[in-house]
Amino acid sequence: MHHSIKQILDAAGQIILGKPHQIRLAVCCLLARGHLLIEDLPGVGKTTLAYTLAKLLGLQYQRIQFTSDLLPADILGASIFEVENHRFTFHQGPIFNQMILADEINRATPKTQSALLEAMEEQQVSIEGTTYALPQPFFVIATQNPSFQAGTFPLPESQLDRFLMRIRLGYPDHAAERLLLAGQDRHRLIAQQPACITPAQLEALQKAAAAIHTAPALLDYCQALIAFTRESSVYSYGLSPRGGLALLRAAKSWAFMDQRDAVIPEDLQAVLAAVAGHRLYADSQDSAAIVAPILEKVAIC
C-alpha cells in the first residue's frame, strides 16, 4: 500500500516541480475522502495538479469551467423531453464523474456554486424529486482565484466548509522554475503517465487510513485545539463539529502516509493550517498565520 503512495507522490513531483509539501497535502486530502480547494493566482499549476492526480489515481475526470453564466443544470444535468418516447429523460451532467475539477469556482454565482453542496456532502444529487447516486470514489477539486481579482464571487461559508483542505501552490523556486522552463510540456508529461493505482485500490487505501488508531490522549489534544478556536477572541467563530472531524480524518491520513499505525500530535499540527485555515476568520488571510495562535497556546496533552 505504501509503495503505491510513494509512486503517486514521486510521479506527481515530476510534473508539479518544487511543491512536495502541497502534493503531499493534496494526496492526504483524497485519502481522507475529502474535497480540495486550491486558491492561488492564475498560471501556477492548480489545474495541472488536479489533472495529474486524476490520471495517477485512475479516476474518471471531468473539468467544469465556472463562469458567471453557468447554471446548476449545466453541472447536474437536466430532464429533456423526447418526442419519440413521449416522456422526459434525465441526461446526466458532468458531475457524474469520479473527479470533478471546478475550475475558477468563484467566478460562478452563489446559485451555481450551491449546486455542488449536496454532491460534496452526501455523494448524490436530487433533481425533480429523484435522487441519483454519484460514482465512487467521488472528489471535487476546485480552483479559486484571489478575491481581489475582477469578476469573482466569494464562496459562502457553507461551501467553504465542504472542502476538507485549502492549499496554495505559490510561485516555484528558482531551481524548479529553471527545470520547468527547460523541460517538456506539462500536459504531454501527464498524458504519458500511467495510472499508479485503480479506483478500487484507492478505496482500499482510504479504508486503511480511516482505521488508523487514535488514543484517548490524542483525542484530548484534538478537542483542545478545537476548543481554543471557539473560546479565543482571535477568531470570529471556531471550528464546527464537521471541521473537527475533518481535522481528525486528515491527521489519520497523514499518519498513514508516514507508515504509522496511530496518530501523534505532530500529525494534527501538520494538517491544521490546510484544514482550519479556510474555516476560521482572523485578520490574516494566510492559513499558517491564522492557526499560529492555536499551535502556540494549546499544549500537547
Protein backbone atom coordinates (compact mmCIF):
# COMPACT_ATOMS: atom_id res chain seq x y z
CA MET A 1 0.00 0.00 0.00
CA HIS A 2 2.66 2.48 0.99
CA HIS A 3 4.64 1.69 -2.15
CA SER A 4 1.64 2.89 -4.18
CA ILE A 5 1.51 6.17 -2.24
CA LYS A 6 5.22 6.74 -2.83
CA GLN A 7 4.71 6.09 -6.53
CA ILE A 8 1.93 8.69 -6.66
CA LEU A 9 3.97 11.30 -4.78
CA ASP A 10 7.07 10.70 -6.91
CA ALA A 11 5.16 10.79 -10.21
CA ALA A 12 3.26 13.95 -9.24
CA GLY A 13 6.54 15.55 -8.15
CA GLN A 14 7.96 15.07 -11.64
CA ILE A 15 5.12 17.13 -13.09
CA ILE A 16 4.44 19.72 -10.36
CA LEU A 17 8.00 20.79 -9.69
CA GLY A 18 9.23 22.07 -6.34
CA LYS A 19 5.96 21.57 -4.43
CA PRO A 20 6.36 18.28 -2.48
CA HIS A 21 4.51 19.54 0.61
CA GLN A 22 1.49 20.75 -1.35
CA ILE A 23 1.36 17.49 -3.33
CA ARG A 24 1.51 15.51 -0.09
CA LEU A 25 -1.33 17.57 1.39
CA ALA A 26 -3.43 17.02 -1.74
CA VAL A 27 -2.92 13.24 -1.65
CA CYS A 28 -3.61 13.24 2.10
CA CYS A 29 -6.88 15.05 1.42
CA LEU A 30 -8.01 12.45 -1.10
CA LEU A 31 -7.02 9.56 1.18
CA ALA A 32 -9.23 11.16 3.84
CA ARG A 33 -12.15 11.15 1.37
CA GLY A 34 -12.12 14.94 1.27
CA HIS A 35 -12.57 17.64 -1.33
CA LEU A 36 -9.73 20.03 -2.08
CA LEU A 37 -9.71 23.79 -2.70
CA ILE A 38 -6.63 25.24 -4.40
CA GLU A 39 -6.51 29.02 -4.13
CA ASP A 40 -3.86 30.98 -5.99
CA LEU A 41 -3.04 33.24 -8.89
CA PRO A 42 -3.74 32.01 -12.44
CA GLY A 43 -0.95 30.06 -14.07
CA VAL A 44 0.81 28.49 -11.07
CA GLY A 45 -0.32 24.91 -11.77
CA LYS A 46 -3.67 24.50 -9.97
CA THR A 47 -5.42 22.81 -12.89
CA THR A 48 -2.32 20.78 -13.74
CA LEU A 49 -2.22 19.37 -10.20
CA ALA A 50 -5.87 18.29 -10.37
CA TYR A 51 -5.42 16.62 -13.75
CA THR A 52 -2.23 14.92 -12.56
CA LEU A 53 -3.95 13.42 -9.52
CA ALA A 54 -6.88 12.17 -11.60
CA LYS A 55 -4.52 10.48 -14.06
CA LEU A 56 -2.31 8.88 -11.40
CA LEU A 57 -5.32 7.62 -9.42
CA GLY A 58 -7.03 6.18 -12.50
CA LEU A 59 -10.19 8.24 -11.97
CA GLN A 60 -12.83 9.36 -14.47
CA TYR A 61 -12.10 13.06 -14.76
CA GLN A 62 -14.21 16.00 -15.89
CA ARG A 63 -13.34 19.66 -15.90
CA ILE A 64 -16.12 22.22 -15.46
CA GLN A 65 -15.19 25.80 -16.29
CA PHE A 66 -17.11 28.01 -13.87
CA THR A 67 -18.28 31.30 -15.38
CA SER A 68 -20.84 33.92 -14.42
CA ASP A 69 -23.42 32.49 -16.85
CA LEU A 70 -23.04 28.85 -15.76
CA LEU A 71 -26.31 27.33 -14.49
CA PRO A 72 -26.87 24.49 -11.97
CA ALA A 73 -28.30 22.31 -14.76
CA ASP A 74 -25.02 22.69 -16.66
CA ILE A 75 -23.38 20.85 -13.75
CA LEU A 76 -26.03 18.41 -12.55
CA GLY A 77 -27.88 17.60 -15.76
CA ALA A 78 -31.48 18.08 -16.82
CA SER A 79 -34.59 16.22 -17.92
CA ILE A 80 -35.20 16.61 -21.64
CA PHE A 81 -38.47 15.72 -23.38
CA GLU A 82 -38.02 13.02 -26.02
CA VAL A 83 -40.70 13.34 -28.66
CA GLU A 84 -40.36 9.79 -29.95
CA ASN A 85 -40.86 8.31 -26.46
CA HIS A 86 -43.34 10.95 -25.25
CA ARG A 87 -41.56 11.32 -21.92
CA PHE A 88 -38.84 13.21 -20.12
CA THR A 89 -35.45 11.52 -19.80
CA PHE A 90 -32.77 12.65 -17.39
CA HIS A 91 -29.43 13.39 -19.01
CA GLN A 92 -26.56 13.33 -16.56
CA GLY A 93 -24.35 16.38 -16.24
CA PRO A 94 -20.58 16.41 -15.81
CA ILE A 95 -20.94 15.99 -12.03
CA PHE A 96 -21.37 12.26 -12.71
CA ASN A 97 -17.65 11.52 -12.77
CA GLN A 98 -15.25 10.31 -10.11
CA MET A 99 -13.19 13.51 -10.03
CA ILE A 100 -14.56 16.93 -10.86
CA LEU A 101 -12.36 19.94 -11.42
CA ALA A 102 -14.46 23.01 -10.59
CA ASP A 103 -12.14 25.42 -12.35
CA GLU A 104 -12.28 29.02 -11.07
CA ILE A 105 -15.24 28.15 -8.87
CA ASN A 106 -15.57 31.68 -7.53
CA ARG A 107 -16.31 33.10 -10.98
CA ALA A 108 -19.78 31.49 -10.85
CA THR A 109 -22.72 32.96 -8.97
CA PRO A 110 -23.63 31.65 -5.49
CA LYS A 111 -26.69 29.94 -7.01
CA THR A 112 -24.48 27.86 -9.28
CA GLN A 113 -21.91 27.22 -6.54
CA SER A 114 -24.69 25.79 -4.36
CA ALA A 115 -25.34 23.08 -6.95
CA LEU A 116 -22.28 21.30 -5.53
CA LEU A 117 -23.36 21.30 -1.88
CA GLU A 118 -25.38 18.07 -1.83
CA ALA A 119 -22.93 16.27 -4.11
CA MET A 120 -19.95 17.14 -1.93
CA GLU A 121 -21.61 16.27 1.36
CA GLU A 122 -23.83 13.29 0.50
CA GLN A 123 -22.30 11.90 -2.71
CA GLN A 124 -25.62 12.27 -4.50
CA VAL A 125 -27.74 14.81 -6.37
CA SER A 126 -31.51 15.36 -6.17
CA ILE A 127 -33.28 16.56 -9.27
CA GLU A 128 -37.03 16.94 -9.67
CA GLY A 129 -37.75 14.69 -6.70
CA THR A 130 -35.40 11.90 -7.76
CA THR A 131 -32.07 11.16 -6.07
CA TYR A 132 -29.13 9.93 -8.15
CA ALA A 133 -26.02 8.39 -6.58
CA LEU A 134 -22.65 9.64 -7.81
CA PRO A 135 -19.79 7.36 -8.91
CA GLN A 136 -17.43 6.18 -6.20
CA PRO A 137 -14.94 7.34 -5.20
CA PHE A 138 -16.08 10.93 -5.74
CA PHE A 139 -13.96 14.07 -5.33
CA VAL A 140 -14.26 17.74 -6.12
CA ILE A 141 -11.05 19.66 -6.64
CA ALA A 142 -11.85 23.34 -7.03
CA THR A 143 -9.53 26.13 -8.05
CA GLN A 144 -10.15 29.66 -6.88
CA ASN A 145 -8.68 32.98 -7.93
CA PRO A 146 -7.84 35.55 -5.26
CA SER A 147 -10.87 37.61 -4.24
CA PHE A 148 -9.23 40.87 -5.31
CA GLN A 149 -9.34 39.80 -8.97
CA ALA A 150 -12.18 41.08 -11.15
CA GLY A 151 -15.30 39.00 -11.72
CA THR A 152 -15.16 36.84 -8.59
CA PHE A 153 -17.89 35.94 -6.11
CA PRO A 154 -16.86 34.99 -2.57
CA LEU A 155 -17.57 31.40 -1.59
CA PRO A 156 -20.15 31.28 1.22
CA GLU A 157 -19.13 29.63 4.49
CA SER A 158 -21.33 26.60 3.81
CA GLN A 159 -19.46 25.98 0.56
CA LEU A 160 -16.02 26.53 2.08
CA ASP A 161 -16.82 24.08 4.86
CA ARG A 162 -17.41 21.31 2.31
CA PHE A 163 -13.72 21.38 1.40
CA LEU A 164 -11.58 19.28 3.70
CA MET A 165 -8.47 21.30 2.84
CA ARG A 166 -7.43 24.53 1.21
CA ILE A 167 -3.90 24.84 -0.13
CA ARG A 168 -1.88 27.37 -2.09
CA LEU A 169 0.87 26.45 -4.58
CA GLY A 170 2.69 29.75 -4.91
CA TYR A 171 5.46 30.55 -7.36
CA PRO A 172 8.13 27.88 -7.97
CA ASP A 173 11.60 28.45 -6.56
CA HIS A 174 14.48 29.32 -8.89
CA ALA A 175 15.68 25.74 -9.42
CA ALA A 176 12.19 24.34 -10.05
CA GLU A 177 11.35 27.13 -12.48
CA ARG A 178 14.56 26.52 -14.42
CA LEU A 179 13.63 22.83 -14.81
CA LEU A 180 10.12 23.88 -15.82
CA LEU A 181 11.41 26.25 -18.49
CA ALA A 182 13.92 23.75 -19.86
CA GLY A 183 11.65 20.69 -19.63
CA GLN A 184 8.80 19.17 -21.59
CA ASP A 185 5.27 20.47 -21.80
CA ARG A 186 3.44 19.51 -18.60
CA HIS A 187 0.30 18.27 -20.36
CA ARG A 188 2.35 16.00 -22.58
CA LEU A 189 4.08 14.59 -19.49
CA ILE A 190 0.72 13.92 -17.82
CA ALA A 191 -0.56 12.12 -20.92
CA GLN A 192 2.49 9.84 -20.81
CA GLN A 193 2.00 8.94 -17.13
CA PRO A 194 0.26 5.60 -16.45
CA ALA A 195 -2.12 5.28 -13.54
CA CYS A 196 -0.36 4.21 -10.35
CA ILE A 197 -3.46 2.62 -8.79
CA THR A 198 -7.07 1.79 -9.66
CA PRO A 199 -10.15 3.37 -8.04
CA ALA A 200 -10.70 0.12 -6.12
CA GLN A 201 -7.17 0.26 -4.74
CA LEU A 202 -7.72 3.91 -3.78
CA GLU A 203 -10.79 2.93 -1.78
CA ALA A 204 -8.74 0.25 -0.01
CA LEU A 205 -6.15 2.90 0.90
CA GLN A 206 -8.92 5.16 2.20
CA LYS A 207 -10.28 2.39 4.43
CA ALA A 208 -6.80 1.66 5.77
CA ALA A 209 -6.24 5.34 6.54
CA ALA A 210 -9.59 5.63 8.31
CA ALA A 211 -8.67 2.65 10.53
CA ILE A 212 -5.56 4.34 11.99
CA HIS A 213 -5.72 4.30 15.80
CA THR A 214 -6.39 7.46 17.83
CA ALA A 215 -5.55 7.21 21.54
CA PRO A 216 -7.69 8.99 24.17
CA ALA A 217 -4.84 11.44 24.87
CA LEU A 218 -4.69 12.31 21.17
CA LEU A 219 -8.44 12.97 21.14
CA ASP A 220 -7.94 15.21 24.20
CA TYR A 221 -5.39 17.26 22.26
CA CYS A 222 -7.67 17.41 19.21
CA GLN A 223 -10.54 18.66 21.37
CA ALA A 224 -8.25 21.23 22.99
CA LEU A 225 -7.33 22.60 19.56
CA ILE A 226 -10.99 22.81 18.59
CA ALA A 227 -12.00 24.40 21.91
CA PHE A 228 -9.34 27.10 21.58
CA THR A 229 -10.76 28.22 18.23
CA ARG A 230 -14.20 28.62 19.84
CA GLU A 231 -13.09 30.34 23.03
CA SER A 232 -10.31 32.63 21.78
CA SER A 233 -11.07 36.23 20.83
CA VAL A 234 -8.67 35.82 17.88
CA TYR A 235 -11.43 34.24 15.78
CA SER A 236 -14.94 35.40 14.95
CA TYR A 237 -16.16 31.84 15.42
CA GLY A 238 -14.50 28.48 15.88
CA LEU A 239 -14.32 25.13 14.18
CA SER A 240 -17.64 23.32 13.74
CA PRO A 241 -18.04 19.62 14.62
CA ARG A 242 -17.62 18.89 10.91
CA GLY A 243 -14.37 20.87 10.97
CA GLY A 244 -13.18 18.85 13.97
CA LEU A 245 -13.96 15.58 12.22
CA ALA A 246 -12.15 16.83 9.12
CA LEU A 247 -9.07 17.61 11.20
CA LEU A 248 -9.01 14.10 12.67
CA ARG A 249 -9.57 12.40 9.30
CA ALA A 250 -6.74 14.37 7.74
CA ALA A 251 -4.41 13.58 10.65
CA LYS A 252 -5.17 9.87 10.26
CA SER A 253 -4.30 10.02 6.56
CA TRP A 254 -1.09 11.92 7.34
CA ALA A 255 -0.08 9.25 9.87
CA PHE A 256 -0.94 6.52 7.35
CA MET A 257 1.27 8.15 4.72
CA ASP A 258 4.11 8.13 7.27
CA GLN A 259 3.53 4.38 7.79
CA ARG A 260 2.39 4.73 11.40
CA ASP A 261 -0.50 2.79 12.89
CA ALA A 262 -1.51 5.55 15.32
CA VAL A 263 -1.96 9.32 15.13
CA ILE A 264 0.52 11.50 17.03
CA PRO A 265 0.13 15.22 17.89
CA GLU A 266 2.51 16.20 15.09
CA ASP A 267 0.04 14.77 12.58
CA LEU A 268 -2.67 17.14 13.79
CA GLN A 269 -0.22 20.02 13.66
CA ALA A 270 0.91 19.12 10.14
CA VAL A 271 -2.59 19.34 8.64
CA LEU A 272 -4.10 22.04 10.88
CA ALA A 273 -3.38 25.01 8.59
CA ALA A 274 -4.79 23.30 5.49
CA VAL A 275 -7.90 22.04 7.32
CA ALA A 276 -8.69 25.02 9.55
CA GLY A 277 -7.30 27.99 7.60
CA HIS A 278 -10.45 28.48 5.48
CA ARG A 279 -12.83 27.74 8.34
CA LEU A 280 -11.53 30.40 10.74
CA TYR A 281 -11.70 34.14 10.30
CA ALA A 282 -8.92 36.37 11.57
CA ASP A 283 -7.03 39.47 10.47
CA SER A 284 -4.63 37.46 8.30
CA GLN A 285 -5.63 35.55 5.16
CA ASP A 286 -2.61 33.24 5.33
CA SER A 287 -3.56 29.80 6.67
CA ALA A 288 -0.31 29.31 8.59
CA ALA A 289 -0.68 32.70 10.26
CA ILE A 290 -4.34 32.02 11.08
CA VAL A 291 -3.57 28.81 13.01
CA ALA A 292 -0.31 30.02 14.58
CA PRO A 293 -2.01 31.17 17.83
CA ILE A 294 -3.60 27.72 18.23
CA LEU A 295 -0.30 25.86 17.97
CA GLU A 296 1.38 28.39 20.23
CA LYS A 297 -1.20 28.41 23.04
CA VAL A 298 -2.55 24.82 23.13
CA ALA A 299 -0.27 22.40 24.95
CA ILE A 300 0.05 18.79 23.85
CA CYS A 301 -1.94 16.58 26.22
